């Protein structure tokens, strides 16, 4: 069994803090009631977004994708690469202006709608996405070839040979049964 080893760790663009601040400010403005809270939002938001960014990590290993994030409630998810079905990339107008992207991971068998994991601000997100998908493909192709080697399917000739041998055994049993004297039939007991 191959040991799990790190292949690549994601780095995060510090501009993602600005994105979070602007997104929060837009919510405050849209609610109208929150407009006075903007005076508190920006200084407190700078502190909290910086701490949140410090807690984020995303590591690609040869077998899984490990994601850690959270400020008060910290979450860690280990996603087996063979369960990843897609990795989406989203870039809204503010994200385009800040040159950042959101990477989302979707898996087979996940319940509910939306992504299992979503992370904004990974630097070189397209390259990181490609690295994850390439490692997933490599892992699944290795496991397929390994399982094919271990359970080699019988060829048509092997199957025909097995049927031929079975027919010969049946024929010998029928001949032996036919050649038995009639008086020896004692029944099954």
N, C-alpha and C. Protein backbone atom coordinates (compact mmCIF):
# COMPACT_ATOMS: atom_id res chain seq x y z
N UNK A 1 0.85 -1.18 0.00
CA UNK A 1 0.00 0.00 0.00
C UNK A 1 0.89 1.24 0.00
N UNK A 2 0.62 2.11 -0.93
CA UNK A 2 1.43 3.32 -1.07
C UNK A 2 1.08 4.32 0.02
N UNK A 3 2.11 4.92 0.60
CA UNK A 3 1.93 5.91 1.66
C UNK A 3 1.45 7.23 1.06
N UNK A 4 0.60 7.93 1.81
CA UNK A 4 0.10 9.22 1.33
C UNK A 4 1.20 10.27 1.44
N UNK A 5 1.41 10.99 0.33
CA UNK A 5 2.45 12.02 0.32
C UNK A 5 1.89 13.28 -0.32
N UNK A 6 2.42 14.41 0.13
CA UNK A 6 1.97 15.71 -0.37
C UNK A 6 2.53 15.96 -1.76
N UNK A 7 1.68 16.46 -2.64
CA UNK A 7 2.10 16.80 -4.00
C UNK A 7 2.18 18.31 -4.17
N UNK A 8 1.15 19.00 -3.65
CA UNK A 8 1.09 20.45 -3.86
C UNK A 8 0.20 21.09 -2.80
N UNK A 9 0.62 22.22 -2.30
CA UNK A 9 -0.19 23.00 -1.36
C UNK A 9 -0.62 24.29 -2.04
N UNK A 10 -1.87 24.64 -1.83
CA UNK A 10 -2.40 25.87 -2.43
C UNK A 10 -1.96 27.07 -1.61
N UNK A 11 -1.70 28.15 -2.29
CA UNK A 11 -1.45 29.43 -1.61
C UNK A 11 -2.64 30.33 -1.94
N UNK A 12 -2.89 31.26 -1.04
CA UNK A 12 -4.07 32.12 -1.19
C UNK A 12 -3.66 33.56 -1.46
N UNK A 13 -4.37 34.17 -2.38
CA UNK A 13 -4.13 35.55 -2.75
C UNK A 13 -4.66 36.46 -1.64
N UNK A 14 -3.85 37.35 -1.09
CA UNK A 14 -4.32 38.23 -0.02
C UNK A 14 -5.47 39.14 -0.44
N UNK A 15 -5.67 39.32 -1.75
CA UNK A 15 -6.79 40.15 -2.21
C UNK A 15 -8.14 39.54 -1.91
N UNK A 16 -8.15 38.25 -1.53
CA UNK A 16 -9.42 37.62 -1.17
C UNK A 16 -10.03 38.29 0.05
N UNK A 17 -9.20 38.88 0.92
CA UNK A 17 -9.72 39.61 2.08
C UNK A 17 -10.54 40.81 1.61
N UNK A 18 -10.06 41.52 0.60
CA UNK A 18 -10.80 42.66 0.04
C UNK A 18 -12.13 42.18 -0.54
N UNK A 19 -12.11 41.04 -1.20
CA UNK A 19 -13.34 40.48 -1.75
C UNK A 19 -14.35 40.20 -0.64
N UNK A 20 -13.90 39.57 0.44
CA UNK A 20 -14.79 39.28 1.56
C UNK A 20 -15.33 40.57 2.18
N UNK A 21 -14.46 41.58 2.32
CA UNK A 21 -14.90 42.86 2.89
C UNK A 21 -15.95 43.52 2.00
N UNK A 22 -15.70 43.55 0.69
CA UNK A 22 -16.65 44.17 -0.22
C UNK A 22 -17.97 43.39 -0.28
N UNK A 23 -17.88 42.07 -0.25
CA UNK A 23 -19.10 41.25 -0.26
C UNK A 23 -19.94 41.52 0.98
N UNK A 24 -19.29 41.58 2.14
CA UNK A 24 -20.00 41.90 3.38
C UNK A 24 -20.59 43.29 3.35
N UNK A 25 -19.84 44.25 2.83
CA UNK A 25 -20.33 45.63 2.73
C UNK A 25 -21.55 45.71 1.83
N UNK A 26 -21.55 44.96 0.73
CA UNK A 26 -22.71 44.95 -0.17
C UNK A 26 -23.94 44.42 0.54
N UNK A 27 -23.78 43.40 1.37
CA UNK A 27 -24.91 42.85 2.12
C UNK A 27 -25.44 43.90 3.09
N UNK A 28 -24.54 44.60 3.78
CA UNK A 28 -24.97 45.65 4.70
C UNK A 28 -25.73 46.75 3.97
N UNK A 29 -25.23 47.15 2.81
CA UNK A 29 -25.87 48.22 2.04
C UNK A 29 -27.23 47.76 1.52
N UNK A 30 -27.32 46.54 1.03
CA UNK A 30 -28.59 46.04 0.49
C UNK A 30 -29.67 45.90 1.56
N UNK A 31 -29.27 45.64 2.79
CA UNK A 31 -30.26 45.51 3.86
C UNK A 31 -30.67 46.88 4.41
N UNK A 32 -30.04 47.91 4.00
CA UNK A 32 -30.28 49.31 4.39
C UNK A 32 -30.09 49.51 5.90
N UNK A 33 -30.65 48.63 6.70
CA UNK A 33 -30.50 48.73 8.15
C UNK A 33 -29.02 48.57 8.54
N UNK A 34 -28.28 47.81 7.73
CA UNK A 34 -26.89 47.55 8.04
C UNK A 34 -25.94 48.67 7.68
N UNK A 35 -26.41 49.70 7.00
CA UNK A 35 -25.52 50.80 6.57
C UNK A 35 -24.75 51.40 7.74
N UNK A 36 -25.38 51.69 8.89
CA UNK A 36 -24.60 52.22 10.01
C UNK A 36 -23.52 51.25 10.52
N UNK A 37 -23.74 49.94 10.30
CA UNK A 37 -22.75 48.94 10.75
C UNK A 37 -21.49 48.94 9.88
N UNK A 38 -21.54 49.59 8.73
CA UNK A 38 -20.37 49.65 7.86
C UNK A 38 -19.17 50.27 8.57
N UNK A 39 -19.44 51.22 9.46
CA UNK A 39 -18.34 51.86 10.20
C UNK A 39 -17.60 50.85 11.07
N UNK A 40 -18.32 49.85 11.58
CA UNK A 40 -17.68 48.79 12.37
C UNK A 40 -17.14 47.67 11.47
N UNK A 41 -17.84 47.44 10.37
CA UNK A 41 -17.51 46.31 9.50
C UNK A 41 -16.08 46.38 8.97
N UNK A 42 -15.67 47.52 8.46
CA UNK A 42 -14.36 47.57 7.82
C UNK A 42 -13.20 47.34 8.79
N UNK A 43 -13.14 48.00 9.96
CA UNK A 43 -12.00 47.70 10.84
C UNK A 43 -12.06 46.29 11.42
N UNK A 44 -13.26 45.85 11.85
CA UNK A 44 -13.37 44.49 12.39
C UNK A 44 -13.20 43.45 11.28
N UNK A 45 -13.76 43.76 10.11
CA UNK A 45 -13.65 42.84 8.98
C UNK A 45 -12.21 42.60 8.57
N UNK A 46 -11.39 43.64 8.61
CA UNK A 46 -9.96 43.48 8.27
C UNK A 46 -9.29 42.50 9.22
N UNK A 47 -9.61 42.61 10.49
CA UNK A 47 -9.01 41.71 11.49
C UNK A 47 -9.47 40.28 11.26
N UNK A 48 -10.80 40.10 11.13
CA UNK A 48 -11.34 38.75 11.03
C UNK A 48 -11.01 38.08 9.71
N UNK A 49 -11.03 38.82 8.61
CA UNK A 49 -10.69 38.20 7.32
C UNK A 49 -9.23 37.78 7.28
N UNK A 50 -8.36 38.57 7.91
CA UNK A 50 -6.94 38.19 7.97
C UNK A 50 -6.74 36.92 8.77
N UNK A 51 -7.42 36.82 9.90
CA UNK A 51 -7.31 35.60 10.72
C UNK A 51 -7.91 34.39 10.00
N UNK A 52 -9.03 34.62 9.33
CA UNK A 52 -9.67 33.53 8.59
C UNK A 52 -8.75 33.02 7.49
N UNK A 53 -8.13 33.95 6.77
CA UNK A 53 -7.21 33.57 5.70
C UNK A 53 -6.02 32.79 6.25
N UNK A 54 -5.54 33.17 7.43
CA UNK A 54 -4.43 32.45 8.05
C UNK A 54 -4.78 31.00 8.38
N UNK A 55 -6.06 30.74 8.63
CA UNK A 55 -6.51 29.39 9.01
C UNK A 55 -6.80 28.50 7.80
N UNK A 56 -6.84 29.09 6.60
CA UNK A 56 -7.19 28.31 5.41
C UNK A 56 -5.98 27.58 4.86
N UNK A 57 -6.23 26.33 4.45
CA UNK A 57 -5.19 25.58 3.74
C UNK A 57 -5.86 24.56 2.83
N UNK A 58 -5.18 24.23 1.77
CA UNK A 58 -5.67 23.24 0.83
C UNK A 58 -4.45 22.49 0.30
N UNK A 59 -4.43 21.18 0.53
CA UNK A 59 -3.26 20.38 0.16
C UNK A 59 -3.69 19.21 -0.71
N UNK A 60 -3.00 19.04 -1.81
CA UNK A 60 -3.21 17.91 -2.71
C UNK A 60 -2.19 16.84 -2.36
N UNK A 61 -2.68 15.64 -2.06
CA UNK A 61 -1.78 14.51 -1.85
C UNK A 61 -1.97 13.53 -2.99
N UNK A 62 -1.22 12.46 -2.98
CA UNK A 62 -1.35 11.48 -4.05
C UNK A 62 -2.66 10.70 -3.98
N UNK A 63 -3.41 10.82 -2.85
CA UNK A 63 -4.66 10.09 -2.69
C UNK A 63 -5.87 10.96 -2.38
N UNK A 64 -5.66 12.19 -1.90
CA UNK A 64 -6.80 12.99 -1.46
C UNK A 64 -6.53 14.49 -1.57
N UNK A 65 -7.58 15.24 -1.33
CA UNK A 65 -7.51 16.69 -1.25
C UNK A 65 -7.92 17.05 0.18
N UNK A 66 -7.02 17.73 0.91
CA UNK A 66 -7.28 18.08 2.31
C UNK A 66 -7.51 19.58 2.42
N UNK A 67 -8.66 19.94 2.95
CA UNK A 67 -9.06 21.34 3.05
C UNK A 67 -9.33 21.67 4.52
N UNK A 68 -8.72 22.77 4.98
CA UNK A 68 -8.94 23.25 6.35
C UNK A 68 -9.31 24.72 6.29
N UNK A 69 -10.33 25.09 7.07
CA UNK A 69 -10.71 26.50 7.14
C UNK A 69 -11.60 26.71 8.35
N UNK A 70 -11.78 27.96 8.69
CA UNK A 70 -12.67 28.32 9.79
C UNK A 70 -11.97 29.20 10.80
N UNK A 71 -12.74 30.07 11.40
CA UNK A 71 -12.20 30.98 12.42
C UNK A 71 -12.61 30.49 13.80
N UNK A 72 -13.89 30.47 14.06
CA UNK A 72 -14.36 29.97 15.35
C UNK A 72 -14.67 28.48 15.26
N UNK A 73 -15.34 28.11 14.21
CA UNK A 73 -15.62 26.69 13.97
C UNK A 73 -14.69 26.24 12.85
N UNK A 74 -13.72 25.47 13.20
CA UNK A 74 -12.75 25.00 12.21
C UNK A 74 -13.20 23.68 11.62
N UNK A 75 -13.15 23.62 10.31
CA UNK A 75 -13.53 22.38 9.62
C UNK A 75 -12.34 21.86 8.83
N UNK A 76 -12.27 20.57 8.76
CA UNK A 76 -11.24 19.91 7.96
C UNK A 76 -11.92 18.80 7.19
N UNK A 77 -11.72 18.79 5.89
CA UNK A 77 -12.31 17.77 5.04
C UNK A 77 -11.21 17.11 4.24
N UNK A 78 -11.26 15.80 4.22
CA UNK A 78 -10.35 15.02 3.40
C UNK A 78 -11.21 14.35 2.34
N UNK A 79 -10.98 14.73 1.11
CA UNK A 79 -11.79 14.23 0.00
C UNK A 79 -10.94 13.26 -0.82
N UNK A 80 -11.32 11.98 -0.85
CA UNK A 80 -10.57 11.04 -1.69
C UNK A 80 -10.65 11.46 -3.16
N UNK A 81 -9.53 11.43 -3.83
CA UNK A 81 -9.50 11.90 -5.22
C UNK A 81 -10.42 11.08 -6.13
N UNK A 82 -10.55 9.79 -5.86
CA UNK A 82 -11.40 8.97 -6.73
C UNK A 82 -12.88 9.28 -6.57
N UNK A 83 -13.26 10.07 -5.56
CA UNK A 83 -14.65 10.48 -5.38
C UNK A 83 -14.96 11.83 -6.02
N UNK A 84 -13.93 12.56 -6.43
CA UNK A 84 -14.14 13.88 -7.04
C UNK A 84 -14.67 13.70 -8.45
N UNK A 85 -15.85 14.29 -8.71
CA UNK A 85 -16.44 14.22 -10.04
C UNK A 85 -16.13 15.46 -10.86
N UNK A 86 -16.04 16.61 -10.19
CA UNK A 86 -15.76 17.84 -10.92
C UNK A 86 -15.21 18.89 -9.97
N UNK A 87 -14.48 19.82 -10.55
CA UNK A 87 -14.00 20.99 -9.81
C UNK A 87 -14.39 22.20 -10.65
N UNK A 88 -15.33 22.97 -10.12
CA UNK A 88 -15.82 24.14 -10.84
C UNK A 88 -15.04 25.39 -10.46
N UNK A 89 -15.06 26.34 -11.37
CA UNK A 89 -14.42 27.63 -11.11
C UNK A 89 -15.44 28.73 -11.38
N UNK A 90 -15.55 29.66 -10.43
CA UNK A 90 -16.48 30.77 -10.54
C UNK A 90 -15.70 32.06 -10.38
N UNK A 91 -16.08 33.05 -11.19
CA UNK A 91 -15.43 34.35 -11.07
C UNK A 91 -16.47 35.42 -11.39
N UNK A 92 -17.03 36.02 -10.33
CA UNK A 92 -17.99 37.10 -10.49
C UNK A 92 -17.29 38.41 -10.82
N UNK A 93 -18.08 39.49 -10.96
CA UNK A 93 -17.49 40.77 -11.37
C UNK A 93 -16.45 41.31 -10.38
N UNK A 94 -16.73 41.23 -9.08
CA UNK A 94 -15.76 41.71 -8.09
C UNK A 94 -14.52 40.82 -8.11
N UNK A 95 -14.74 39.54 -8.27
CA UNK A 95 -13.60 38.61 -8.34
C UNK A 95 -12.73 38.89 -9.56
N UNK A 96 -13.38 39.18 -10.69
CA UNK A 96 -12.59 39.50 -11.90
C UNK A 96 -11.78 40.77 -11.68
N UNK A 97 -12.38 41.76 -11.03
CA UNK A 97 -11.70 43.02 -10.76
C UNK A 97 -10.48 42.78 -9.86
N UNK A 98 -10.61 41.84 -8.89
CA UNK A 98 -9.51 41.55 -7.97
C UNK A 98 -8.61 40.41 -8.47
N UNK A 99 -8.96 39.84 -9.62
CA UNK A 99 -8.21 38.73 -10.21
C UNK A 99 -8.12 37.53 -9.26
N UNK A 100 -9.27 37.14 -8.73
CA UNK A 100 -9.34 35.93 -7.90
C UNK A 100 -10.48 35.05 -8.41
N UNK A 101 -10.45 33.78 -8.03
CA UNK A 101 -11.47 32.82 -8.46
C UNK A 101 -11.87 31.95 -7.28
N UNK A 102 -13.09 31.41 -7.38
CA UNK A 102 -13.57 30.47 -6.38
C UNK A 102 -13.52 29.08 -7.00
N UNK A 103 -12.92 28.15 -6.29
CA UNK A 103 -12.80 26.77 -6.73
C UNK A 103 -13.75 25.93 -5.90
N UNK A 104 -14.60 25.15 -6.56
CA UNK A 104 -15.55 24.30 -5.83
C UNK A 104 -15.32 22.84 -6.20
N UNK A 105 -15.46 21.97 -5.21
CA UNK A 105 -15.23 20.54 -5.39
C UNK A 105 -16.55 19.81 -5.26
N UNK A 106 -16.87 19.02 -6.27
CA UNK A 106 -18.08 18.21 -6.25
C UNK A 106 -17.67 16.75 -6.26
N UNK A 107 -18.39 15.94 -5.48
CA UNK A 107 -18.03 14.54 -5.35
C UNK A 107 -19.18 13.62 -5.69
N UNK A 108 -18.83 12.38 -5.99
CA UNK A 108 -19.84 11.35 -6.23
C UNK A 108 -20.49 11.02 -4.89
N UNK A 109 -21.79 10.92 -4.90
CA UNK A 109 -22.50 10.53 -3.69
C UNK A 109 -22.72 11.65 -2.70
N UNK A 110 -22.40 12.88 -3.05
CA UNK A 110 -22.61 13.97 -2.09
C UNK A 110 -24.10 14.27 -2.03
N UNK A 111 -24.57 14.56 -0.84
CA UNK A 111 -25.99 14.85 -0.67
C UNK A 111 -26.21 16.35 -0.76
N UNK A 112 -27.37 16.73 -1.25
CA UNK A 112 -27.69 18.14 -1.35
C UNK A 112 -27.13 18.76 -2.63
N UNK A 113 -27.47 20.02 -2.80
CA UNK A 113 -27.00 20.73 -3.99
C UNK A 113 -25.79 21.58 -3.63
N UNK A 114 -25.08 22.00 -4.62
CA UNK A 114 -23.91 22.83 -4.38
C UNK A 114 -22.66 22.00 -4.20
N UNK A 115 -21.59 22.69 -3.94
CA UNK A 115 -20.29 22.05 -3.83
C UNK A 115 -20.06 21.51 -2.42
N UNK A 116 -19.29 20.45 -2.33
CA UNK A 116 -18.90 19.90 -1.04
C UNK A 116 -17.95 20.86 -0.34
N UNK A 117 -17.01 21.41 -1.10
CA UNK A 117 -16.04 22.38 -0.58
C UNK A 117 -15.93 23.50 -1.59
N UNK A 118 -15.87 24.73 -1.10
CA UNK A 118 -15.71 25.89 -1.96
C UNK A 118 -14.67 26.79 -1.31
N UNK A 119 -13.65 27.18 -2.10
CA UNK A 119 -12.58 28.02 -1.57
C UNK A 119 -12.28 29.14 -2.55
N UNK A 120 -12.33 30.36 -2.04
CA UNK A 120 -12.03 31.53 -2.87
C UNK A 120 -10.59 31.96 -2.63
N UNK A 121 -9.97 32.44 -3.70
CA UNK A 121 -8.67 33.08 -3.57
C UNK A 121 -7.46 32.19 -3.75
N UNK A 122 -7.63 30.97 -4.21
CA UNK A 122 -6.45 30.13 -4.46
C UNK A 122 -5.68 30.75 -5.62
N UNK A 123 -4.41 31.01 -5.39
CA UNK A 123 -3.58 31.57 -6.46
C UNK A 123 -3.35 30.50 -7.53
N UNK A 124 -3.37 30.94 -8.76
CA UNK A 124 -3.21 30.04 -9.91
C UNK A 124 -4.22 28.90 -9.80
N UNK A 125 -5.48 29.27 -9.61
CA UNK A 125 -6.55 28.29 -9.39
C UNK A 125 -6.69 27.31 -10.55
N UNK A 126 -6.52 27.78 -11.77
CA UNK A 126 -6.64 26.89 -12.93
C UNK A 126 -5.56 25.80 -12.88
N UNK A 127 -4.34 26.19 -12.55
CA UNK A 127 -3.25 25.21 -12.46
C UNK A 127 -3.49 24.23 -11.32
N UNK A 128 -3.97 24.74 -10.18
CA UNK A 128 -4.24 23.86 -9.04
C UNK A 128 -5.36 22.88 -9.40
N UNK A 129 -6.39 23.38 -10.06
CA UNK A 129 -7.51 22.53 -10.49
C UNK A 129 -7.00 21.43 -11.42
N UNK A 130 -6.19 21.80 -12.39
CA UNK A 130 -5.64 20.81 -13.33
C UNK A 130 -4.79 19.77 -12.60
N UNK A 131 -4.00 20.21 -11.62
CA UNK A 131 -3.16 19.28 -10.87
C UNK A 131 -4.02 18.26 -10.12
N UNK A 132 -5.12 18.74 -9.52
CA UNK A 132 -6.02 17.83 -8.79
C UNK A 132 -6.67 16.84 -9.75
N UNK A 133 -7.20 17.33 -10.85
CA UNK A 133 -7.88 16.45 -11.80
C UNK A 133 -6.91 15.47 -12.46
N UNK A 134 -5.69 15.91 -12.74
CA UNK A 134 -4.70 14.99 -13.32
C UNK A 134 -4.31 13.91 -12.32
N UNK A 135 -4.13 14.29 -11.06
CA UNK A 135 -3.79 13.29 -10.03
C UNK A 135 -4.95 12.32 -9.84
N UNK A 136 -6.18 12.82 -9.88
CA UNK A 136 -7.36 11.95 -9.78
C UNK A 136 -7.36 10.94 -10.92
N UNK A 137 -7.14 11.42 -12.15
CA UNK A 137 -7.14 10.53 -13.31
C UNK A 137 -6.02 9.49 -13.22
N UNK A 138 -4.86 9.92 -12.77
CA UNK A 138 -3.73 9.00 -12.63
C UNK A 138 -4.04 7.92 -11.57
N UNK A 139 -4.62 8.34 -10.47
CA UNK A 139 -4.97 7.41 -9.39
C UNK A 139 -6.01 6.40 -9.86
N UNK A 140 -7.05 6.86 -10.54
CA UNK A 140 -8.10 5.94 -10.98
C UNK A 140 -7.59 5.00 -12.08
N UNK A 141 -6.73 5.48 -12.97
CA UNK A 141 -6.21 4.59 -14.01
C UNK A 141 -5.28 3.54 -13.41
N UNK A 142 -4.50 3.92 -12.40
CA UNK A 142 -3.64 2.93 -11.71
C UNK A 142 -4.46 1.88 -11.01
N UNK A 143 -5.53 2.29 -10.34
CA UNK A 143 -6.35 1.32 -9.61
C UNK A 143 -7.10 0.41 -10.58
N UNK A 144 -7.51 0.96 -11.73
CA UNK A 144 -8.17 0.12 -12.74
C UNK A 144 -7.21 -0.92 -13.30
N UNK A 145 -5.98 -0.50 -13.62
CA UNK A 145 -5.02 -1.45 -14.19
C UNK A 145 -4.62 -2.49 -13.15
N UNK A 146 -4.53 -2.08 -11.89
CA UNK A 146 -4.20 -3.02 -10.82
C UNK A 146 -5.31 -4.05 -10.66
N UNK A 147 -6.57 -3.62 -10.69
CA UNK A 147 -7.67 -4.56 -10.52
C UNK A 147 -7.80 -5.47 -11.74
N UNK A 148 -7.48 -4.97 -12.91
CA UNK A 148 -7.52 -5.80 -14.11
C UNK A 148 -6.43 -6.86 -14.06
N UNK A 149 -5.24 -6.49 -13.56
CA UNK A 149 -4.16 -7.46 -13.44
C UNK A 149 -4.50 -8.54 -12.43
N UNK A 150 -5.14 -8.18 -11.33
CA UNK A 150 -5.45 -9.14 -10.28
C UNK A 150 -6.57 -10.08 -10.67
N UNK A 151 -7.54 -9.59 -11.38
CA UNK A 151 -8.68 -10.42 -11.77
C UNK A 151 -8.77 -10.46 -13.28
N UNK A 152 -7.82 -11.12 -13.89
CA UNK A 152 -7.80 -11.21 -15.33
C UNK A 152 -9.01 -12.02 -15.78
N UNK A 153 -9.79 -11.42 -16.62
CA UNK A 153 -10.99 -12.08 -17.11
C UNK A 153 -10.59 -13.23 -18.02
N UNK A 154 -11.35 -14.32 -17.93
CA UNK A 154 -11.03 -15.45 -18.80
C UNK A 154 -11.29 -15.07 -20.26
N UNK A 155 -10.44 -15.58 -21.13
CA UNK A 155 -10.63 -15.32 -22.56
C UNK A 155 -11.71 -16.24 -23.09
N UNK A 156 -12.12 -15.99 -24.30
CA UNK A 156 -13.16 -16.83 -24.92
C UNK A 156 -12.68 -18.27 -25.02
N UNK A 157 -11.40 -18.44 -25.33
CA UNK A 157 -10.85 -19.79 -25.43
C UNK A 157 -10.86 -20.50 -24.08
N UNK A 158 -10.56 -19.78 -23.00
CA UNK A 158 -10.60 -20.37 -21.66
C UNK A 158 -12.02 -20.82 -21.32
N UNK A 159 -12.99 -20.01 -21.66
CA UNK A 159 -14.39 -20.33 -21.38
C UNK A 159 -14.83 -21.56 -22.17
N UNK A 160 -14.46 -21.61 -23.43
CA UNK A 160 -14.80 -22.77 -24.27
C UNK A 160 -14.15 -24.03 -23.74
N UNK A 161 -12.92 -23.92 -23.28
CA UNK A 161 -12.21 -25.08 -22.73
C UNK A 161 -12.91 -25.57 -21.47
N UNK A 162 -13.34 -24.65 -20.61
CA UNK A 162 -14.02 -25.03 -19.37
C UNK A 162 -15.35 -25.72 -19.68
N UNK A 163 -16.08 -25.21 -20.67
CA UNK A 163 -17.34 -25.84 -21.06
C UNK A 163 -17.09 -27.24 -21.62
N UNK A 164 -16.06 -27.36 -22.44
CA UNK A 164 -15.70 -28.67 -23.02
C UNK A 164 -15.38 -29.69 -21.92
N UNK A 165 -14.58 -29.28 -20.93
CA UNK A 165 -14.23 -30.17 -19.82
C UNK A 165 -15.46 -30.58 -19.02
N UNK A 166 -16.38 -29.64 -18.80
CA UNK A 166 -17.61 -29.94 -18.07
C UNK A 166 -18.47 -30.94 -18.84
N UNK A 167 -18.57 -30.79 -20.15
CA UNK A 167 -19.35 -31.72 -20.97
C UNK A 167 -18.75 -33.12 -20.94
N UNK A 168 -17.44 -33.21 -20.96
CA UNK A 168 -16.77 -34.53 -20.88
C UNK A 168 -17.11 -35.20 -19.55
N UNK A 169 -17.07 -34.44 -18.44
CA UNK A 169 -17.40 -35.02 -17.12
C UNK A 169 -18.86 -35.48 -17.08
N UNK A 170 -19.76 -34.70 -17.65
CA UNK A 170 -21.18 -35.07 -17.67
C UNK A 170 -21.37 -36.34 -18.50
N UNK A 171 -20.69 -36.41 -19.64
CA UNK A 171 -20.80 -37.58 -20.51
C UNK A 171 -20.30 -38.83 -19.80
N UNK A 172 -19.18 -38.74 -19.07
CA UNK A 172 -18.65 -39.89 -18.33
C UNK A 172 -19.62 -40.32 -17.24
N UNK A 173 -20.25 -39.37 -16.55
CA UNK A 173 -21.22 -39.71 -15.52
C UNK A 173 -22.44 -40.43 -16.12
N UNK A 174 -22.90 -39.96 -17.29
CA UNK A 174 -24.05 -40.59 -17.93
C UNK A 174 -23.71 -42.01 -18.39
N UNK A 175 -22.51 -42.20 -18.91
CA UNK A 175 -22.09 -43.53 -19.35
C UNK A 175 -21.98 -44.46 -18.14
N UNK A 176 -21.40 -43.96 -17.07
CA UNK A 176 -21.25 -44.79 -15.86
C UNK A 176 -22.62 -45.15 -15.30
N UNK A 177 -23.56 -44.24 -15.34
CA UNK A 177 -24.89 -44.50 -14.82
C UNK A 177 -25.61 -45.52 -15.71
N UNK A 178 -25.44 -45.41 -17.01
CA UNK A 178 -26.08 -46.33 -17.94
C UNK A 178 -25.53 -47.74 -17.80
N UNK A 179 -24.22 -47.86 -17.53
CA UNK A 179 -23.57 -49.16 -17.44
C UNK A 179 -23.79 -49.86 -16.10
N UNK A 180 -24.39 -49.18 -15.12
CA UNK A 180 -24.62 -49.82 -13.82
C UNK A 180 -25.68 -50.90 -13.99
N UNK A 181 -25.50 -52.04 -13.29
CA UNK A 181 -26.52 -53.10 -13.36
C UNK A 181 -27.83 -52.60 -12.75
N UNK A 182 -28.95 -53.05 -13.28
CA UNK A 182 -30.26 -52.58 -12.87
C UNK A 182 -30.59 -52.94 -11.44
N UNK A 183 -30.08 -54.03 -10.90
CA UNK A 183 -30.41 -54.48 -9.57
C UNK A 183 -29.70 -53.70 -8.47
N UNK A 184 -28.73 -52.92 -8.82
CA UNK A 184 -27.96 -52.17 -7.80
C UNK A 184 -28.62 -50.87 -7.39
N UNK A 185 -29.80 -50.63 -7.91
CA UNK A 185 -30.45 -49.35 -7.62
C UNK A 185 -31.09 -49.43 -6.24
N UNK A 186 -30.42 -48.90 -5.26
CA UNK A 186 -30.92 -48.92 -3.89
C UNK A 186 -31.58 -47.61 -3.53
N UNK A 187 -31.66 -46.71 -4.44
CA UNK A 187 -32.23 -45.40 -4.15
C UNK A 187 -31.21 -44.51 -3.50
N UNK A 188 -31.64 -43.40 -3.04
CA UNK A 188 -30.70 -42.44 -2.48
C UNK A 188 -30.17 -42.85 -1.11
N UNK A 189 -30.82 -43.83 -0.43
CA UNK A 189 -30.40 -44.19 0.92
C UNK A 189 -29.88 -45.57 1.01
